[in-house]
Protein backbone atom coordinates (compact mmCIF):
# COMPACT_ATOMS: atom_id res chain seq x y z
CA MET A 1 -177.07 69.91 2.07
CA SER A 2 -173.27 70.01 1.81
CA ASP A 3 -170.48 71.59 -0.19
CA PHE A 4 -167.68 69.27 -0.12
CA PHE A 5 -164.41 68.89 -2.03
CA ILE A 6 -160.84 67.50 -1.68
CA SER A 7 -157.52 68.30 -2.88
CA LEU A 8 -154.05 66.70 -2.84
CA PHE A 9 -151.00 68.41 -1.63
CA PRO A 10 -149.43 70.50 -3.26
CA ASP A 11 -152.07 71.49 -5.57
CA PHE A 12 -155.68 70.62 -6.56
CA ARG A 13 -155.94 67.97 -9.27
CA GLU A 14 -158.82 65.44 -9.82
CA SER A 15 -156.47 62.67 -10.89
CA PRO A 16 -153.20 63.66 -8.94
CA GLU A 17 -149.93 61.80 -9.55
CA VAL A 18 -147.54 60.87 -6.97
CA PRO A 19 -144.12 59.38 -7.21
CA PRO A 20 -144.03 55.75 -6.04
CA GLY A 21 -142.69 55.58 -2.46
CA GLU A 22 -143.99 59.03 -1.34
CA GLN A 23 -146.37 59.54 1.32
CA VAL A 24 -149.98 60.34 0.16
CA LYS A 25 -151.69 63.10 2.01
CA LEU A 26 -155.22 64.49 1.48
CA ARG A 27 -156.49 67.93 2.55
CA VAL A 28 -160.16 67.81 2.75
CA ASN A 29 -162.25 70.83 2.91
CA TRP A 30 -165.87 70.64 3.69
CA SER A 31 -168.99 72.59 4.78
CA ALA A 32 -172.33 71.12 5.96
CA GLN A 33 -175.78 71.97 7.29
CA ALA A 34 -176.86 69.95 10.26
CA ASP A 35 -180.45 69.60 11.79
CA ASP A 36 -179.30 69.93 15.35
CA ILE A 37 -177.13 72.73 17.00
CA ASN A 38 -174.51 70.24 18.59
CA TRP A 39 -173.39 67.60 16.27
CA THR A 40 -170.30 65.50 15.44
CA SER A 41 -168.64 65.26 11.85
CA ALA A 42 -166.25 62.57 10.69
CA VAL A 43 -164.09 62.73 7.58
CA VAL A 44 -163.24 59.11 6.66
CA VAL A 45 -161.07 57.99 3.74
CA TYR A 46 -161.63 54.28 2.53
CA ASN A 47 -159.79 52.09 0.12
CA ALA A 48 -162.49 51.86 -2.59
CA PHE A 49 -161.00 48.59 -4.06
CA ASP A 50 -161.08 46.89 -0.62
CA PRO A 51 -164.18 44.61 -0.21
CA GLN A 52 -164.56 45.55 3.27
CA PHE A 53 -164.03 49.19 2.61
CA GLU A 54 -160.82 49.38 4.80
CA ILE A 55 -160.46 52.68 6.54
CA LEU A 56 -157.17 54.34 5.69
CA ASP A 57 -157.68 57.31 8.10
CA GLU A 58 -160.43 59.36 9.79
CA GLN A 59 -160.80 62.47 11.81
CA THR A 60 -163.83 63.55 13.96
CA GLU A 61 -164.88 66.95 15.19
CA ARG A 62 -167.53 68.36 17.46
CA HIS A 63 -169.71 71.32 16.46
CA ILE A 64 -172.05 73.73 18.30
CA ALA A 65 -173.64 75.33 15.09
CA THR A 66 -175.98 74.13 12.56
CA SER A 67 -173.86 75.39 9.73
CA ASP A 68 -170.17 74.70 9.84
CA SER A 69 -167.03 73.93 7.84
CA GLY A 70 -163.66 72.57 8.30
CA GLN A 71 -160.44 71.30 6.89
CA VAL A 72 -158.53 68.13 7.91
CA ILE A 73 -155.14 66.74 6.79
CA LEU A 74 -155.06 63.07 6.41
CA ASN A 75 -151.75 60.94 6.11
CA LEU A 76 -152.80 57.85 4.30
CA PHE A 77 -150.12 55.49 2.86
CA SER A 78 -146.96 55.20 0.79
CA MET A 79 -147.78 55.37 -2.87
CA PRO A 80 -147.37 52.12 -4.59
CA THR A 81 -146.54 51.58 -8.46
CA TYR A 82 -150.24 51.18 -9.30
CA PRO A 83 -153.27 53.56 -9.04
CA VAL A 84 -155.28 53.69 -5.82
CA THR A 85 -158.83 54.80 -5.76
CA LEU A 86 -160.00 56.38 -2.47
CA ALA A 87 -163.59 56.94 -1.26
CA VAL A 88 -163.82 60.14 0.95
CA VAL A 89 -167.04 60.37 3.02
CA LEU A 90 -168.23 63.19 5.41
CA TRP A 91 -170.33 61.57 8.18
CA GLY A 92 -172.70 63.43 10.64
CA HIS A 93 -174.00 62.40 13.94
CA ARG A 94 -176.52 64.26 16.22
CA ASP A 95 -174.63 63.15 19.56
CA TYR A 96 -172.37 66.04 20.33
CA LEU A 97 -170.50 63.78 22.82
CA LEU A 98 -169.93 60.87 20.37
CA GLY A 99 -166.28 59.57 20.28
CA SER A 100 -164.37 58.68 17.22
CA PHE A 101 -166.12 57.01 14.14
CA PRO A 102 -167.30 54.33 13.71
CA ALA A 103 -168.72 54.03 17.19
CA GLY A 104 -172.39 53.84 16.81
CA SER A 105 -172.07 53.94 13.00
CA SER A 106 -175.70 52.87 12.42
CA ASP A 107 -176.63 56.34 13.71
CA TRP A 108 -174.15 58.15 11.33
CA ILE A 109 -175.62 60.04 8.22
CA GLN A 110 -173.64 60.32 5.10
CA LEU A 111 -173.50 63.99 4.23
CA ALA A 112 -171.12 64.02 1.28
CA TYR A 113 -169.22 61.44 -0.76
CA LYS A 114 -166.45 61.61 -3.38
CA THR A 115 -163.96 59.30 -4.98
CA ILE A 116 -160.45 60.28 -6.08
CA THR A 117 -157.91 58.01 -7.85
CA VAL A 118 -154.26 58.66 -7.15
CA ILE A 119 -152.00 57.71 -10.07
CA PRO A 120 -148.24 56.77 -9.71
CA HIS A 121 -146.04 59.43 -11.31
CA VAL A 122 -143.85 57.86 -13.83
CA THR A 123 -140.62 59.92 -14.60
CA VAL A 124 -139.67 59.90 -18.21
CA TYR A 125 -136.15 60.03 -19.15
CA GLU A 126 -134.90 60.81 -22.75
CA GLY A 127 -131.62 60.69 -24.30
CA SER A 128 -130.01 60.03 -27.63
CA ILE A 129 -126.76 58.94 -29.19
CA GLU A 130 -125.56 61.99 -30.98
CA THR A 131 -122.11 61.31 -32.60
CA LYS A 132 -120.30 58.12 -33.26
CA GLN A 133 -116.64 58.14 -34.40
CA MET A 134 -113.69 55.73 -34.63
CA GLU A 135 -110.11 56.97 -33.96
CA VAL A 136 -107.89 54.93 -36.26
CA PHE A 137 -104.13 54.64 -35.48
CA PRO A 138 -102.49 53.18 -38.66
CA PRO A 139 -99.10 51.37 -38.40
CA GLY A 140 -96.53 53.92 -37.63
CA PHE A 141 -97.40 57.36 -36.04
CA GLY A 142 -100.43 59.55 -35.58
CA SER A 143 -104.22 59.06 -35.73
CA GLU A 144 -107.29 60.21 -37.56
CA MET A 145 -111.00 60.32 -36.61
CA TYR A 146 -113.74 58.90 -38.76
CA ASP A 147 -117.44 58.92 -38.50
CA ILE A 148 -119.20 55.54 -38.06
CA PRO A 149 -119.63 53.81 -40.32
CA VAL A 150 -116.30 54.51 -41.78
CA SER A 151 -116.36 55.05 -45.47
CA GLY A 152 -113.50 53.54 -47.41
CA ALA A 153 -111.10 50.57 -46.34
CA VAL A 154 -109.08 50.84 -43.24
CA ALA A 155 -105.54 49.25 -43.46
CA SER A 156 -105.13 45.92 -41.79
CA GLY A 157 -102.95 46.10 -38.59
CA SER A 158 -104.29 49.55 -37.59
CA ASP A 159 -105.63 50.06 -34.13
CA GLY A 160 -108.92 51.51 -33.28
CA LYS A 161 -110.79 53.46 -30.46
CA ILE A 162 -114.47 54.28 -30.27
CA HIS A 163 -115.70 57.78 -29.31
CA VAL A 164 -119.46 58.29 -28.50
CA TRP A 165 -121.34 61.58 -27.68
CA VAL A 166 -124.71 61.37 -25.94
CA ARG A 167 -127.32 64.00 -25.26
CA ASN A 168 -130.05 64.41 -22.44
CA THR A 169 -132.86 65.42 -24.83
CA GLY A 170 -135.54 65.33 -21.82
CA ASN A 171 -136.37 67.63 -19.03
CA ILE A 172 -134.77 65.60 -16.07
CA GLU A 173 -131.17 64.97 -15.28
CA PHE A 174 -129.95 61.30 -15.19
CA HIS A 175 -126.76 59.31 -14.82
CA PRO A 176 -126.05 57.95 -18.52
CA CYS A 177 -124.16 54.65 -19.15
CA ILE A 178 -122.86 53.66 -22.54
CA THR A 179 -121.98 50.13 -23.83
CA TRP A 180 -120.51 49.10 -27.25
CA LYS A 181 -119.55 45.81 -28.63
CA VAL A 182 -117.07 45.65 -31.48
CA SER A 183 -117.03 42.43 -33.63
CA SER A 184 -114.77 41.30 -36.45
CA PRO A 185 -116.11 38.93 -39.05
CA SER A 186 -115.35 36.04 -36.92
CA SER A 187 -115.65 37.11 -33.16
CA LEU A 188 -116.50 39.67 -30.57
CA ILE A 189 -113.36 41.84 -30.07
CA LYS A 190 -114.43 44.56 -27.66
CA ASP A 191 -117.19 44.59 -24.95
CA TYR A 192 -117.00 48.04 -23.16
CA ARG A 193 -119.13 49.73 -20.60
CA GLU A 194 -118.85 53.06 -18.87
CA CYS A 195 -121.19 55.41 -16.57
CA LYS A 196 -120.79 59.03 -16.16
CA ALA A 197 -120.07 59.87 -12.49
CA LEU A 198 -122.33 62.88 -12.18
CA ASP A 199 -125.72 63.77 -13.58
CA LEU A 200 -126.23 64.83 -17.11
CA ASP A 201 -128.36 67.93 -17.20
CA PRO A 202 -131.11 68.59 -19.86
CA ASN A 203 -129.76 69.49 -23.33
CA ASP A 204 -126.06 68.70 -22.18
CA THR A 205 -123.91 66.26 -24.01
CA HIS A 206 -121.20 63.80 -22.62
CA HIS A 207 -118.19 62.29 -24.50
CA PHE A 208 -117.51 58.56 -23.84
CA TRP A 209 -114.30 56.95 -24.94
CA GLU A 210 -111.86 54.37 -23.56
CA ALA A 211 -108.89 56.45 -22.72
CA PHE A 212 -106.11 53.91 -22.43
CA GLU A 213 -106.91 50.96 -24.52
CA THR A 214 -107.31 50.32 -28.25
CA PHE A 215 -108.34 47.21 -30.27
CA ASN A 216 -106.37 45.68 -33.26
CA LEU A 217 -107.98 45.87 -36.63
CA ASP A 218 -106.08 42.87 -37.97
CA GLU A 219 -108.75 40.68 -39.63
CA GLY A 220 -109.91 41.44 -43.12
CA GLY A 221 -113.59 42.00 -43.94
CA GLN A 222 -116.59 43.77 -42.62
CA TRP A 223 -116.59 44.86 -38.95
CA THR A 224 -119.72 45.83 -36.93
CA ILE A 225 -120.66 47.75 -33.78
CA GLU A 226 -123.53 47.73 -31.39
CA ILE A 227 -123.97 50.97 -29.10
CA GLU A 228 -126.58 51.43 -26.22
CA LEU A 229 -127.33 54.44 -24.09
CA ILE A 230 -128.54 53.19 -20.79
CA LEU A 231 -130.25 54.83 -17.81
CA GLU A 232 -128.05 53.88 -14.86
CA GLU A 233 -130.91 54.39 -12.24
CA THR A 234 -133.25 51.78 -13.85
CA GLY A 235 -131.21 50.07 -16.54
CA GLU A 236 -133.65 51.35 -19.22
CA ILE A 237 -132.19 51.56 -22.82
CA LEU A 238 -132.81 55.27 -23.91
CA ASP A 239 -131.19 54.83 -27.50
CA ARG A 240 -129.57 51.98 -29.54
CA TRP A 241 -127.60 51.96 -32.60
CA SER A 242 -126.10 48.94 -34.46
CA GLY A 243 -124.52 48.54 -38.00
CA ASN A 244 -121.27 48.44 -39.76
CA LEU A 245 -118.07 49.91 -38.27
CA CYS A 246 -115.53 49.57 -41.09
CA GLN A 247 -114.18 47.50 -43.92
CA ILE A 248 -110.64 46.22 -43.31
CA GLU A 249 -108.39 45.48 -46.24
CA ALA A 250 -107.28 41.77 -46.25
CA GLN A 251 -103.51 41.54 -45.67
CA ALA A 252 -101.60 40.29 -48.57
CA ASP A 253 -99.17 37.36 -47.91
CA ASP A 254 -95.49 38.44 -48.39
CA GLY A 255 -94.65 34.96 -49.80
CA VAL A 256 -95.37 31.22 -49.72
CA ILE A 257 -93.30 28.10 -50.17
CA GLU A 258 -94.61 26.57 -53.31
CA PHE A 259 -92.69 23.17 -53.27
CA MET A 260 -89.55 21.79 -51.88
CA GLU A 261 -87.00 19.22 -53.54
CA LEU A 262 -84.12 17.14 -52.44
CA GLU A 263 -81.23 16.82 -55.14
CA ILE A 264 -79.26 13.63 -54.63
CA LYS A 265 -75.48 14.26 -55.12
CA ASP A 266 -73.70 12.42 -57.90
CA THR A 267 -77.10 11.74 -59.57
CA SER A 268 -79.46 13.60 -61.48
CA ALA A 269 -82.40 12.57 -59.29
CA LYS A 270 -84.56 15.27 -57.76
CA GLU A 271 -87.27 14.17 -55.39
CA SER A 272 -90.11 16.18 -53.74
CA ILE A 273 -89.92 16.58 -49.96
CA PRO A 274 -90.95 14.31 -48.10
CA VAL A 275 -88.94 11.73 -50.10
CA ASP A 276 -90.54 8.29 -50.40
CA VAL A 277 -87.67 6.42 -52.10
CA GLU A 278 -84.72 4.90 -50.40
CA ILE A 279 -81.47 6.64 -50.78
CA PRO A 280 -78.08 4.81 -50.62
CA LYS A 281 -75.92 5.36 -47.71
CA LYS A 282 -73.00 6.86 -49.61
CA GLN A 283 -75.21 9.74 -50.94
CA ASN A 284 -76.48 10.81 -47.42
CA ARG A 285 -73.51 10.63 -45.08
CA ASN A 286 -73.18 14.35 -44.74
CA ILE A 287 -76.80 15.30 -44.19
CA ARG A 288 -79.58 14.47 -41.68
CA LEU A 289 -82.40 13.02 -43.60
CA SER A 290 -84.64 11.64 -40.90
CA ASP A 291 -87.33 14.25 -41.32
CA MET A 292 -87.15 14.27 -45.31
CA CYS A 293 -86.92 10.89 -46.58
CA ASN A 294 -87.42 7.14 -45.92
CA CYS A 295 -83.74 6.19 -45.11
CA PRO A 296 -82.65 2.71 -43.97
CA LYS A 297 -82.53 2.38 -40.11
CA GLY A 298 -79.04 3.47 -38.77
CA GLN A 299 -78.21 5.49 -41.66
């Protein structure tokens, strides 16, 4: 008979979680009743998924009492990114002078057996885009902050600057990065990325903004923006927002040239420019007409 259990540092869990890359250790506690006074025990950990039952680690002890117990600590492997199932076996042998397991393995008796699955611990980061604003610099002096999307039209020719506040909504600090892409009705205007130098603690916020540059809001129509909060450690997107940025008023033309005419001196003729008729030499001796009319060569 045996009373046999195992636990994983630092505490006992049937399905322990270990961060990938950390060393997996097992603390095995056992007790057993042997038929003979002098006997040898072996605690052996196998890779249960290996067809040959690869031995990951083992320890043997010699005993001089029929009832005995013990504890061994086994250093097994570096935790991968997938679950690992282990088979832990307590073996007993009547030969007190026997060396390490598995020498003479056919004479070993299985006293206890247990499996345990070690699960990779996945750290969950959480964050959100809290506030989005655009600082508008109209022609002239001063600026004003508007929530995104901006309600009401923005004057053409203004300059803009994006401000974004993000929050760590989880329980683990992380390095946040922000990206935003500002587009006019016809093209991409701004592609910006910035990362916070230090960790963002749980429930803290951070303000991202491009300190020294603005972009010109000179094209009439609907402008849009895409914002992403990114975890610098892994590149994971924690939050994303896209939509309308603002409506830019179309700039009215100050004036246009509707038509042009050439009035020929000493006549009542008026011809639209460019002129397709031949003009006599005496009427054009004081002006250059090469770009405005079909004049005889040399005139």
